[in-house]
């Protein structure tokens, strides 16, 4: 995907959810410290793939913005799921 403006958002969200459903069972029950270590390793491997320093900084900043925006959304989702139980 070269241009974020060309994203089919619904298809992208469906693909993300499908990947998350594959990852969730792998991390379930491991504890937050080990889960965090696994995720940090994955992110560091991904960032290391961007060999040009400037590009790596841009990708890292974009990633940070994304996860900072997603945390409150996922807190609300988790709370909503808890209320339904």
C-alpha atoms as a PDB file:
ATOM      1  CA  UNK A   1       0.000   0.000   0.000  1.00  0.00           C
ATOM      2  CA  UNK A   2       1.792   3.079  -1.215  1.00  0.00           C
ATOM      3  CA  UNK A   3      -0.723   5.835  -0.526  1.00  0.00           C
ATOM      4  CA  UNK A   4      -2.861   5.848   2.639  1.00  0.00           C
ATOM      5  CA  UNK A   5      -5.482   7.829   0.723  1.00  0.00           C
ATOM      6  CA  UNK A   6      -6.108   4.766  -1.491  1.00  0.00           C
ATOM      7  CA  UNK A   7      -7.068   2.483   1.423  1.00  0.00           C
ATOM      8  CA  UNK A   8     -10.357   0.621   1.288  1.00  0.00           C
ATOM      9  CA  UNK A   9     -11.030   1.197   4.996  1.00  0.00           C
ATOM     10  CA  UNK A  10     -13.601  -1.577   5.449  1.00  0.00           C
ATOM     11  CA  UNK A  11     -11.401  -4.161   3.724  1.00  0.00           C
ATOM     12  CA  UNK A  12      -8.388  -2.959   5.692  1.00  0.00           C
ATOM     13  CA  UNK A  13     -10.266  -3.204   8.997  1.00  0.00           C
ATOM     14  CA  UNK A  14     -11.473  -6.705   8.109  1.00  0.00           C
ATOM     15  CA  UNK A  15      -7.931  -7.794   7.287  1.00  0.00           C
ATOM     16  CA  UNK A  16      -6.605  -6.310  10.536  1.00  0.00           C
ATOM     17  CA  UNK A  17      -9.298  -8.084  12.551  1.00  0.00           C
ATOM     18  CA  UNK A  18      -8.543 -11.406  10.829  1.00  0.00           C
ATOM     19  CA  UNK A  19      -4.851 -11.077  11.696  1.00  0.00           C
ATOM     20  CA  UNK A  20      -5.681 -10.077  15.282  1.00  0.00           C
ATOM     21  CA  UNK A  21      -7.866 -13.168  15.659  1.00  0.00           C
ATOM     22  CA  UNK A  22      -4.837 -15.295  14.706  1.00  0.00           C
ATOM     23  CA  UNK A  23      -2.522 -13.480  17.132  1.00  0.00           C
ATOM     24  CA  UNK A  24      -4.840 -13.302  20.170  1.00  0.00           C
ATOM     25  CA  UNK A  25      -4.625 -17.014  21.056  1.00  0.00           C
ATOM     26  CA  UNK A  26      -0.821 -16.885  20.857  1.00  0.00           C
ATOM     27  CA  UNK A  27      -0.635 -14.086  23.438  1.00  0.00           C
ATOM     28  CA  UNK A  28      -3.573 -15.128  25.631  1.00  0.00           C
ATOM     29  CA  UNK A  29      -2.592 -16.061  29.154  1.00  0.00           C
ATOM     30  CA  UNK A  30       1.083 -15.148  28.810  1.00  0.00           C
ATOM     31  CA  UNK A  31       0.903 -12.203  31.194  1.00  0.00           C
ATOM     32  CA  UNK A  32       1.298  -8.566  30.331  1.00  0.00           C
ATOM     33  CA  UNK A  33       5.098  -8.450  30.701  1.00  0.00           C
ATOM     34  CA  UNK A  34       5.703 -11.296  28.233  1.00  0.00           C
ATOM     35  CA  UNK A  35       2.995 -10.010  25.888  1.00  0.00           C
ATOM     36  CA  UNK A  36       4.631  -6.582  25.912  1.00  0.00           C
ATOM     37  CA  UNK A  37       8.058  -8.097  25.254  1.00  0.00           C
ATOM     38  CA  UNK A  38       6.723 -10.051  22.265  1.00  0.00           C
ATOM     39  CA  UNK A  39       4.998  -6.982  20.835  1.00  0.00           C
ATOM     40  CA  UNK A  40       8.090  -4.823  21.412  1.00  0.00           C
ATOM     41  CA  UNK A  41      10.231  -7.398  19.580  1.00  0.00           C
ATOM     42  CA  UNK A  42       7.814  -7.450  16.642  1.00  0.00           C
ATOM     43  CA  UNK A  43       7.699  -3.649  16.429  1.00  0.00           C
ATOM     44  CA  UNK A  44      11.490  -3.361  16.678  1.00  0.00           C
ATOM     45  CA  UNK A  45      11.916  -5.949  13.904  1.00  0.00           C
ATOM     46  CA  UNK A  46       9.425  -4.051  11.754  1.00  0.00           C
ATOM     47  CA  UNK A  47      11.133  -0.704  12.376  1.00  0.00           C
ATOM     48  CA  UNK A  48      14.562  -2.205  11.698  1.00  0.00           C
ATOM     49  CA  UNK A  49      13.260  -3.080   8.237  1.00  0.00           C
ATOM     50  CA  UNK A  50      13.106   0.630   7.425  1.00  0.00           C
ATOM     51  CA  UNK A  51      16.805   1.065   6.860  1.00  0.00           C
ATOM     52  CA  UNK A  52      16.851   4.755   6.004  1.00  0.00           C
ATOM     53  CA  UNK A  53      17.034   6.617   9.330  1.00  0.00           C
ATOM     54  CA  UNK A  54      14.670   9.410   8.296  1.00  0.00           C
ATOM     55  CA  UNK A  55      12.105   6.929   6.997  1.00  0.00           C
ATOM     56  CA  UNK A  56      12.401   4.881  10.194  1.00  0.00           C
ATOM     57  CA  UNK A  57      11.750   7.998  12.311  1.00  0.00           C
ATOM     58  CA  UNK A  58       8.678   8.873  10.215  1.00  0.00           C
ATOM     59  CA  UNK A  59       7.299   5.336  10.446  1.00  0.00           C
ATOM     60  CA  UNK A  60       7.971   5.218  14.187  1.00  0.00           C
ATOM     61  CA  UNK A  61       6.180   8.543  14.715  1.00  0.00           C
ATOM     62  CA  UNK A  62       3.218   7.385  12.634  1.00  0.00           C
ATOM     63  CA  UNK A  63       3.062   4.107  14.577  1.00  0.00           C
ATOM     64  CA  UNK A  64       3.182   5.989  17.890  1.00  0.00           C
ATOM     65  CA  UNK A  65       0.331   8.257  16.763  1.00  0.00           C
ATOM     66  CA  UNK A  66      -1.732   5.241  15.710  1.00  0.00           C
ATOM     67  CA  UNK A  67      -1.361   3.295  18.929  1.00  0.00           C
ATOM     68  CA  UNK A  68      -1.887   6.388  21.094  1.00  0.00           C
ATOM     69  CA  UNK A  69      -5.159   7.016  19.249  1.00  0.00           C
ATOM     70  CA  UNK A  70      -6.194   3.355  19.479  1.00  0.00           C
ATOM     71  CA  UNK A  71      -5.636   2.889  23.223  1.00  0.00           C
ATOM     72  CA  UNK A  72      -8.663   4.972  24.335  1.00  0.00           C
ATOM     73  CA  UNK A  73     -10.822   3.334  21.659  1.00  0.00           C
ATOM     74  CA  UNK A  74      -9.835  -0.140  22.828  1.00  0.00           C
ATOM     75  CA  UNK A  75     -10.413   0.802  26.472  1.00  0.00           C
ATOM     76  CA  UNK A  76     -13.973   1.804  25.548  1.00  0.00           C
ATOM     77  CA  UNK A  77     -14.454  -1.428  23.560  1.00  0.00           C
ATOM     78  CA  UNK A  78     -13.198  -3.512  26.472  1.00  0.00           C
ATOM     79  CA  UNK A  79     -15.473  -1.712  28.924  1.00  0.00           C
ATOM     80  CA  UNK A  80     -18.442  -2.212  26.604  1.00  0.00           C
ATOM     81  CA  UNK A  81     -17.692  -5.951  26.337  1.00  0.00           C
ATOM     82  CA  UNK A  82     -17.421  -6.183  30.134  1.00  0.00           C
ATOM     83  CA  UNK A  83     -20.806  -4.517  30.594  1.00  0.00           C
ATOM     84  CA  UNK A  84     -22.429  -7.001  28.184  1.00  0.00           C
ATOM     85  CA  UNK A  85     -21.200 -10.002  30.188  1.00  0.00           C
END
